[in-house]
Amino acid sequence: MLESQTASVLACIKQHNERLDFEVAAQTGASLDVVRRIGHDLISTGKVISCTVTRYRDGQPVEASLYRVTGYTPPPAPGRKSRPAS
């Protein structure tokens, strides 16, 4: 049972490249505790990396873990970029 949940959690993270723990729990149908335990196992095997983030919903801070596929670098933000001096 846990192996199938691990596969679905990893597939969810790979599909979106990075995901918050409560988003993974909502998409996979697993509880938040199970997702965090699976996330810890995936971190120890080196398949994902994690960091703690604080997001605000209606002015209230919400602490969550952000899981990212190992080796994925998000694209740069849109907008003007400074150029190196030539």
PDB file of N, CA and C in Angstrom:
ATOM      1  N   MET A   1       0.826  -1.196   0.000  1.00  0.00           N
ATOM      2  CA  MET A   1       0.000   0.000   0.000  1.00  0.00           C
ATOM      3  C   MET A   1       0.867   1.256   0.000  1.00  0.00           C
ATOM      4  N   LEU A   2       1.880   1.274   0.877  1.00  0.00           N
ATOM      5  CA  LEU A   2       2.744   2.442   0.966  1.00  0.00           C
ATOM      6  C   LEU A   2       3.570   2.618  -0.306  1.00  0.00           C
ATOM      7  N   GLU A   3       3.929   1.508  -0.962  1.00  0.00           N
ATOM      8  CA  GLU A   3       4.713   1.592  -2.200  1.00  0.00           C
ATOM      9  C   GLU A   3       3.899   2.248  -3.309  1.00  0.00           C
ATOM     10  N   SER A   4       2.612   1.952  -3.404  1.00  0.00           N
ATOM     11  CA  SER A   4       1.778   2.582  -4.434  1.00  0.00           C
ATOM     12  C   SER A   4       1.577   4.062  -4.128  1.00  0.00           C
ATOM     13  N   GLN A   5       1.454   4.405  -2.832  1.00  0.00           N
ATOM     14  CA  GLN A   5       1.337   5.814  -2.466  1.00  0.00           C
ATOM     15  C   GLN A   5       2.637   6.552  -2.746  1.00  0.00           C
ATOM     16  N   THR A   6       3.761   5.899  -2.502  1.00  0.00           N
ATOM     17  CA  THR A   6       5.052   6.512  -2.796  1.00  0.00           C
ATOM     18  C   THR A   6       5.175   6.794  -4.287  1.00  0.00           C
ATOM     19  N   ALA A   7       4.750   5.844  -5.102  1.00  0.00           N
ATOM     20  CA  ALA A   7       4.809   6.025  -6.552  1.00  0.00           C
ATOM     21  C   ALA A   7       3.899   7.168  -6.991  1.00  0.00           C
ATOM     22  N   SER A   8       2.702   7.276  -6.407  1.00  0.00           N
ATOM     23  CA  SER A   8       1.785   8.346  -6.813  1.00  0.00           C
ATOM     24  C   SER A   8       2.275   9.711  -6.346  1.00  0.00           C
ATOM     25  N   VAL A   9       2.893   9.773  -5.144  1.00  0.00           N
ATOM     26  CA  VAL A   9       3.455  11.042  -4.665  1.00  0.00           C
ATOM     27  C   VAL A   9       4.614  11.474  -5.555  1.00  0.00           C
ATOM     28  N   LEU A  10       5.502  10.549  -5.891  1.00  0.00           N
ATOM     29  CA  LEU A  10       6.636  10.881  -6.759  1.00  0.00           C
ATOM     30  C   LEU A  10       6.162  11.288  -8.148  1.00  0.00           C
ATOM     31  N   ALA A  11       5.144  10.614  -8.667  1.00  0.00           N
ATOM     32  CA  ALA A  11       4.600  10.970  -9.988  1.00  0.00           C
ATOM     33  C   ALA A  11       4.001  12.370  -9.967  1.00  0.00           C
ATOM     34  N   CYS A  12       3.321  12.723  -8.881  1.00  0.00           N
ATOM     35  CA  CYS A  12       2.730  14.064  -8.755  1.00  0.00           C
ATOM     36  C   CYS A  12       3.819  15.130  -8.741  1.00  0.00           C
ATOM     37  N   ILE A  13       4.871  14.890  -7.982  1.00  0.00           N
ATOM     38  CA  ILE A  13       5.970  15.864  -7.908  1.00  0.00           C
ATOM     39  C   ILE A  13       6.663  15.974  -9.258  1.00  0.00           C
ATOM     40  N   LYS A  14       6.891  14.850  -9.930  1.00  0.00           N
ATOM     41  CA  LYS A  14       7.543  14.883 -11.241  1.00  0.00           C
ATOM     42  C   LYS A  14       6.678  15.573 -12.283  1.00  0.00           C
ATOM     43  N   GLN A  15       5.369  15.389 -12.205  1.00  0.00           N
ATOM     44  CA  GLN A  15       4.456  16.002 -13.175  1.00  0.00           C
ATOM     45  C   GLN A  15       4.516  17.525 -13.108  1.00  0.00           C
ATOM     46  N   HIS A  16       4.636  18.065 -11.895  1.00  0.00           N
ATOM     47  CA  HIS A  16       4.625  19.514 -11.715  1.00  0.00           C
ATOM     48  C   HIS A  16       6.006  20.091 -11.418  1.00  0.00           C
ATOM     49  N   ASN A  17       7.027  19.236 -11.344  1.00  0.00           N
ATOM     50  CA  ASN A  17       8.416  19.605 -11.046  1.00  0.00           C
ATOM     51  C   ASN A  17       8.622  20.077  -9.620  1.00  0.00           C
ATOM     52  N   GLU A  18       7.673  20.767  -9.036  1.00  0.00           N
ATOM     53  CA  GLU A  18       7.733  21.136  -7.635  1.00  0.00           C
ATOM     54  C   GLU A  18       6.312  21.298  -7.116  1.00  0.00           C
ATOM     55  N   ARG A  19       6.119  20.903  -5.860  1.00  0.00           N
ATOM     56  CA  ARG A  19       4.777  20.907  -5.288  1.00  0.00           C
ATOM     57  C   ARG A  19       4.864  21.084  -3.785  1.00  0.00           C
ATOM     58  N   LEU A  20       3.895  21.767  -3.200  1.00  0.00           N
ATOM     59  CA  LEU A  20       3.791  21.879  -1.755  1.00  0.00           C
ATOM     60  C   LEU A  20       3.167  20.614  -1.200  1.00  0.00           C
ATOM     61  N   ASP A  21       3.502  20.291   0.045  1.00  0.00           N
ATOM     62  CA  ASP A  21       3.026  19.032   0.622  1.00  0.00           C
ATOM     63  C   ASP A  21       1.512  18.934   0.677  1.00  0.00           C
ATOM     64  N   PHE A  22       0.813  20.018   0.994  1.00  0.00           N
ATOM     65  CA  PHE A  22      -0.641  19.936   1.055  1.00  0.00           C
ATOM     66  C   PHE A  22      -1.265  19.838  -0.336  1.00  0.00           C
ATOM     67  N   GLU A  23      -0.585  20.337  -1.368  1.00  0.00           N
ATOM     68  CA  GLU A  23      -1.071  20.170  -2.741  1.00  0.00           C
ATOM     69  C   GLU A  23      -0.920  18.717  -3.186  1.00  0.00           C
ATOM     70  N   VAL A  24       0.197  18.079  -2.819  1.00  0.00           N
ATOM     71  CA  VAL A  24       0.405  16.670  -3.136  1.00  0.00           C
ATOM     72  C   VAL A  24      -0.644  15.827  -2.423  1.00  0.00           C
ATOM     73  N   ALA A  25      -0.919  16.142  -1.164  1.00  0.00           N
ATOM     74  CA  ALA A  25      -1.915  15.389  -0.394  1.00  0.00           C
ATOM     75  C   ALA A  25      -3.295  15.514  -1.032  1.00  0.00           C
ATOM     76  N   ALA A  26      -3.652  16.707  -1.481  1.00  0.00           N
ATOM     77  CA  ALA A  26      -4.963  16.899  -2.102  1.00  0.00           C
ATOM     78  C   ALA A  26      -5.061  16.163  -3.431  1.00  0.00           C
ATOM     79  N   GLN A  27      -3.988  16.180  -4.210  1.00  0.00           N
ATOM     80  CA  GLN A  27      -4.030  15.551  -5.534  1.00  0.00           C
ATOM     81  C   GLN A  27      -3.991  14.027  -5.454  1.00  0.00           C
ATOM     82  N   THR A  28      -3.219  13.480  -4.513  1.00  0.00           N
ATOM     83  CA  THR A  28      -3.087  12.026  -4.435  1.00  0.00           C
ATOM     84  C   THR A  28      -4.130  11.382  -3.533  1.00  0.00           C
ATOM     85  N   GLY A  29      -4.767  12.158  -2.675  1.00  0.00           N
ATOM     86  CA  GLY A  29      -5.758  11.606  -1.770  1.00  0.00           C
ATOM     87  C   GLY A  29      -5.160  11.015  -0.507  1.00  0.00           C
ATOM     88  N   ALA A  30      -3.861  11.152  -0.316  1.00  0.00           N
ATOM     89  CA  ALA A  30      -3.192  10.655   0.889  1.00  0.00           C
ATOM     90  C   ALA A  30      -3.275  11.731   1.973  1.00  0.00           C
ATOM     91  N   SER A  31      -3.134  11.323   3.222  1.00  0.00           N
ATOM     92  CA  SER A  31      -3.146  12.302   4.305  1.00  0.00           C
ATOM     93  C   SER A  31      -1.835  13.090   4.302  1.00  0.00           C
ATOM     94  N   LEU A  32      -1.862  14.244   4.945  1.00  0.00           N
ATOM     95  CA  LEU A  32      -0.685  15.104   4.981  1.00  0.00           C
ATOM     96  C   LEU A  32       0.474  14.427   5.713  1.00  0.00           C
ATOM     97  N   ASP A  33       0.173  13.686   6.768  1.00  0.00           N
ATOM     98  CA  ASP A  33       1.231  12.972   7.492  1.00  0.00           C
ATOM     99  C   ASP A  33       1.898  11.907   6.622  1.00  0.00           C
ATOM    100  N   VAL A  34       1.099  11.200   5.835  1.00  0.00           N
ATOM    101  CA  VAL A  34       1.640  10.170   4.947  1.00  0.00           C
ATOM    102  C   VAL A  34       2.514  10.813   3.878  1.00  0.00           C
ATOM    103  N   VAL A  35       2.061  11.931   3.320  1.00  0.00           N
ATOM    104  CA  VAL A  35       2.840  12.628   2.289  1.00  0.00           C
ATOM    105  C   VAL A  35       4.168  13.108   2.865  1.00  0.00           C
ATOM    106  N   ARG A  36       4.142  13.616   4.084  1.00  0.00           N
ATOM    107  CA  ARG A  36       5.391  14.088   4.697  1.00  0.00           C
ATOM    108  C   ARG A  36       6.338  12.931   4.990  1.00  0.00           C
ATOM    109  N   ARG A  37       5.801  11.793   5.413  1.00  0.00           N
ATOM    110  CA  ARG A  37       6.641  10.616   5.666  1.00  0.00           C
ATOM    111  C   ARG A  37       7.248  10.104   4.360  1.00  0.00           C
ATOM    112  N   ILE A  38       6.430  10.043   3.309  1.00  0.00           N
ATOM    113  CA  ILE A  38       6.925   9.611   1.998  1.00  0.00           C
ATOM    114  C   ILE A  38       7.960  10.611   1.478  1.00  0.00           C
ATOM    115  N   GLY A  39       7.686  11.902   1.672  1.00  0.00           N
ATOM    116  CA  GLY A  39       8.636  12.934   1.254  1.00  0.00           C
ATOM    117  C   GLY A  39       9.974  12.771   1.946  1.00  0.00           C
ATOM    118  N   HIS A  40       9.945  12.455   3.226  1.00  0.00           N
ATOM    119  CA  HIS A  40      11.188  12.226   3.963  1.00  0.00           C
ATOM    120  C   HIS A  40      11.946  11.029   3.390  1.00  0.00           C
ATOM    121  N   ASP A  41      11.224   9.966   3.049  1.00  0.00           N
ATOM    122  CA  ASP A  41      11.862   8.794   2.442  1.00  0.00           C
ATOM    123  C   ASP A  41      12.463   9.123   1.077  1.00  0.00           C
ATOM    124  N   LEU A  42      11.746   9.928   0.275  1.00  0.00           N
ATOM    125  CA  LEU A  42      12.243  10.303  -1.052  1.00  0.00           C
ATOM    126  C   LEU A  42      13.467  11.216  -0.945  1.00  0.00           C
ATOM    127  N   ILE A  43      13.504  12.049   0.086  1.00  0.00           N
ATOM    128  CA  ILE A  43      14.668  12.914   0.313  1.00  0.00           C
ATOM    129  C   ILE A  43      15.878  12.060   0.679  1.00  0.00           C
ATOM    130  N   SER A  44      15.672  11.065   1.524  1.00  0.00           N
ATOM    131  CA  SER A  44      16.795  10.232   1.953  1.00  0.00           C
ATOM    132  C   SER A  44      17.352   9.390   0.803  1.00  0.00           C
ATOM    133  N   THR A  45      16.519   9.071  -0.204  1.00  0.00           N
ATOM    134  CA  THR A  45      17.019   8.327  -1.367  1.00  0.00           C
ATOM    135  C   THR A  45      17.585   9.256  -2.434  1.00  0.00           C
ATOM    136  N   GLY A  46      17.386  10.574  -2.290  1.00  0.00           N
ATOM    137  CA  GLY A  46      17.941  11.532  -3.237  1.00  0.00           C
ATOM    138  C   GLY A  46      17.080  11.783  -4.462  1.00  0.00           C
ATOM    139  N   LYS A  47      15.830  11.362  -4.449  1.00  0.00           N
ATOM    140  CA  LYS A  47      14.954  11.570  -5.603  1.00  0.00           C
ATOM    141  C   LYS A  47      14.335  12.957  -5.618  1.00  0.00           C
ATOM    142  N   VAL A  48      14.129  13.549  -4.451  1.00  0.00           N
ATOM    143  CA  VAL A  48      13.588  14.901  -4.355  1.00  0.00           C
ATOM    144  C   VAL A  48      14.389  15.682  -3.317  1.00  0.00           C
ATOM    145  N   ILE A  49      14.258  16.995  -3.387  1.00  0.00           N
ATOM    146  CA  ILE A  49      14.809  17.870  -2.365  1.00  0.00           C
ATOM    147  C   ILE A  49      13.648  18.646  -1.766  1.00  0.00           C
ATOM    148  N   SER A  50      13.861  19.213  -0.595  1.00  0.00           N
ATOM    149  CA  SER A  50      12.773  19.886   0.092  1.00  0.00           C
ATOM    150  C   SER A  50      13.284  21.118   0.807  1.00  0.00           C
ATOM    151  N   CYS A  51      12.391  22.078   0.978  1.00  0.00           N
ATOM    152  CA  CYS A  51      12.666  23.228   1.816  1.00  0.00           C
ATOM    153  C   CYS A  51      11.361  23.637   2.483  1.00  0.00           C
ATOM    154  N   THR A  52      11.457  24.359   3.565  1.00  0.00           N
ATOM    155  CA  THR A  52      10.281  24.832   4.279  1.00  0.00           C
ATOM    156  C   THR A  52       9.950  26.231   3.795  1.00  0.00           C
ATOM    157  N   VAL A  53       8.698  26.456   3.454  1.00  0.00           N
ATOM    158  CA  VAL A  53       8.247  27.756   2.971  1.00  0.00           C
ATOM    159  C   VAL A  53       7.078  28.234   3.818  1.00  0.00           C
ATOM    160  N   THR A  54       6.890  29.536   3.850  1.00  0.00           N
ATOM    161  CA  THR A  54       5.744  30.129   4.525  1.00  0.00           C
ATOM    162  C   THR A  54       4.925  30.871   3.480  1.00  0.00           C
ATOM    163  N   ARG A  55       3.693  30.463   3.320  1.00  0.00           N
ATOM    164  CA  ARG A  55       2.761  31.142   2.421  1.00  0.00           C
ATOM    165  C   ARG A  55       1.683  31.778   3.279  1.00  0.00           C
ATOM    166  N   TYR A  56       1.042  32.794   2.759  1.00  0.00           N
ATOM    167  CA  TYR A  56       0.000  33.482   3.516  1.00  0.00           C
ATOM    168  C   TYR A  56      -1.340  33.298   2.824  1.00  0.00           C
ATOM    169  N   ARG A  57      -2.317  32.842   3.598  1.00  0.00           N
ATOM    170  CA  ARG A  57      -3.694  32.707   3.123  1.00  0.00           C
ATOM    171  C   ARG A  57      -4.561  33.583   4.009  1.00  0.00           C
ATOM    172  N   ASP A  58      -5.202  34.542   3.411  1.00  0.00           N
ATOM    173  CA  ASP A  58      -6.061  35.478   4.149  1.00  0.00           C
ATOM    174  C   ASP A  58      -5.321  36.117   5.319  1.00  0.00           C
ATOM    175  N   GLY A  59      -4.058  36.422   5.127  1.00  0.00           N
ATOM    176  CA  GLY A  59      -3.255  37.080   6.139  1.00  0.00           C
ATOM    177  C   GLY A  59      -2.701  36.159   7.200  1.00  0.00           C
ATOM    178  N   GLN A  60      -3.015  34.872   7.144  1.00  0.00           N
ATOM    179  CA  GLN A  60      -2.532  33.911   8.121  1.00  0.00           C
ATOM    180  C   GLN A  60      -1.356  33.127   7.535  1.00  0.00           C
ATOM    181  N   PRO A  61      -0.248  33.010   8.264  1.00  0.00           N
ATOM    182  CA  PRO A  61       0.898  32.244   7.746  1.00  0.00           C
ATOM    183  C   PRO A  61       0.596  30.749   7.742  1.00  0.00           C
ATOM    184  N   VAL A  62       0.988  30.080   6.653  1.00  0.00           N
ATOM    185  CA  VAL A  62       0.833  28.637   6.517  1.00  0.00           C
ATOM    186  C   VAL A  62       2.206  28.072   6.205  1.00  0.00           C
ATOM    187  N   GLU A  63       2.729  27.239   7.110  1.00  0.00           N
ATOM    188  CA  GLU A  63       4.035  26.599   6.912  1.00  0.00           C
ATOM    189  C   GLU A  63       3.835  25.324   6.114  1.00  0.00           C
ATOM    190  N   ALA A  64       4.672  25.094   5.116  1.00  0.00           N
ATOM    191  CA  ALA A  64       4.565  23.897   4.282  1.00  0.00           C
ATOM    192  C   ALA A  64       5.951  23.495   3.804  1.00  0.00           C
ATOM    193  N   SER A  65       6.055  22.259   3.345  1.00  0.00           N
ATOM    194  CA  SER A  65       7.294  21.769   2.736  1.00  0.00           C
ATOM    195  C   SER A  65       7.110  21.800   1.229  1.00  0.00           C
ATOM    196  N   LEU A  66       8.092  22.333   0.540  1.00  0.00           N
ATOM    197  CA  LEU A  66       8.080  22.371  -0.914  1.00  0.00           C
ATOM    198  C   LEU A  66       8.999  21.263  -1.405  1.00  0.00           C
ATOM    199  N   TYR A  67       8.445  20.340  -2.174  1.00  0.00           N
ATOM    200  CA  TYR A  67       9.227  19.242  -2.732  1.00  0.00           C
ATOM    201  C   TYR A  67       9.538  19.556  -4.186  1.00  0.00           C
ATOM    202  N   ARG A  68      10.791  19.323  -4.556  1.00  0.00           N
ATOM    203  CA  ARG A  68      11.236  19.587  -5.928  1.00  0.00           C
ATOM    204  C   ARG A  68      12.033  18.386  -6.408  1.00  0.00           C
ATOM    205  N   VAL A  69      11.840  18.025  -7.674  1.00  0.00           N
ATOM    206  CA  VAL A  69      12.587  16.921  -8.264  1.00  0.00           C
ATOM    207  C   VAL A  69      14.064  17.284  -8.265  1.00  0.00           C
ATOM    208  N   THR A  70      14.905  16.361  -7.867  1.00  0.00           N
ATOM    209  CA  THR A  70      16.344  16.604  -7.817  1.00  0.00           C
ATOM    210  C   THR A  70      16.860  16.959  -9.214  1.00  0.00           C
ATOM    211  N   GLY A  71      17.610  18.034  -9.294  1.00  0.00           N
ATOM    212  CA  GLY A  71      18.190  18.463 -10.567  1.00  0.00           C
ATOM    213  C   GLY A  71      17.340  19.449 -11.335  1.00  0.00           C
ATOM    214  N   TYR A  72      16.121  19.735 -10.891  1.00  0.00           N
ATOM    215  CA  TYR A  72      15.252  20.684 -11.590  1.00  0.00           C
ATOM    216  C   TYR A  72      15.546  22.097 -11.111  1.00  0.00           C
ATOM    217  N   THR A  73      15.754  22.994 -12.052  1.00  0.00           N
ATOM    218  CA  THR A  73      15.931  24.406 -11.755  1.00  0.00           C
ATOM    219  C   THR A  73      14.789  25.165 -12.402  1.00  0.00           C
ATOM    220  N   PRO A  74      14.013  25.917 -11.630  1.00  0.00           N
ATOM    221  CA  PRO A  74      12.887  26.626 -12.221  1.00  0.00           C
ATOM    222  C   PRO A  74      13.361  27.667 -13.231  1.00  0.00           C
ATOM    223  N   PRO A  75      12.544  27.965 -14.242  1.00  0.00           N
ATOM    224  CA  PRO A  75      12.929  28.974 -15.230  1.00  0.00           C
ATOM    225  C   PRO A  75      12.994  30.356 -14.581  1.00  0.00           C
ATOM    226  N   PRO A  76      13.768  31.264 -15.169  1.00  0.00           N
ATOM    227  CA  PRO A  76      13.850  32.613 -14.603  1.00  0.00           C
ATOM    228  C   PRO A  76      12.504  33.315 -14.681  1.00  0.00           C
ATOM    229  N   ALA A  77      12.285  34.219 -13.769  1.00  0.00           N
ATOM    230  CA  ALA A  77      11.043  34.972 -13.732  1.00  0.00           C
ATOM    231  C   ALA A  77      10.962  35.891 -14.964  1.00  0.00           C
ATOM    232  N   PRO A  78       9.744  36.132 -15.451  1.00  0.00           N
ATOM    233  CA  PRO A  78       9.606  37.018 -16.603  1.00  0.00           C
ATOM    234  C   PRO A  78       9.944  38.458 -16.221  1.00  0.00           C
ATOM    235  N   GLY A  79      10.280  39.216 -17.216  1.00  0.00           N
ATOM    236  CA  GLY A  79      10.590  40.624 -16.974  1.00  0.00           C
ATOM    237  C   GLY A  79      11.988  40.968 -17.445  1.00  0.00           C
ATOM    238  N   ARG A  80      12.344  42.201 -17.245  1.00  0.00           N
ATOM    239  CA  ARG A  80      13.658  42.677 -17.673  1.00  0.00           C
ATOM    240  C   ARG A  80      14.741  42.068 -16.814  1.00  0.00           C
ATOM    241  N   LYS A  81      15.851  41.795 -17.437  1.00  0.00           N
ATOM    242  CA  LYS A  81      17.009  41.243 -16.737  1.00  0.00           C
ATOM    243  C   LYS A  81      18.189  42.203 -16.919  1.00  0.00           C
ATOM    244  N   SER A  82      18.998  42.307 -15.909  1.00  0.00           N
ATOM    245  CA  SER A  82      20.192  43.122 -16.057  1.00  0.00           C
ATOM    246  C   SER A  82      21.189  42.386 -16.934  1.00  0.00           C
ATOM    247  N   ARG A  83      21.883  43.120 -17.732  1.00  0.00           N
ATOM    248  CA  ARG A  83      22.886  42.527 -18.630  1.00  0.00           C
ATOM    249  C   ARG A  83      24.265  42.800 -18.060  1.00  0.00           C
ATOM    250  N   PRO A  84      25.160  41.867 -18.273  1.00  0.00           N
ATOM    251  CA  PRO A  84      26.533  42.116 -17.815  1.00  0.00           C
ATOM    252  C   PRO A  84      27.169  43.230 -18.656  1.00  0.00           C
ATOM    253  N   ALA A  85      28.054  43.976 -18.048  1.00  0.00           N
ATOM    254  CA  ALA A  85      28.725  45.069 -18.759  1.00  0.00           C
ATOM    255  C   ALA A  85      29.577  44.493 -19.879  1.00  0.00           C
ATOM    256  N   SER A  86      29.491  45.103 -21.055  1.00  0.00           N
ATOM    257  CA  SER A  86      30.256  44.607 -22.199  1.00  0.00           C
ATOM    258  C   SER A  86      31.418  45.501 -22.528  1.00  0.00           C
TER     259      SER A  86
END
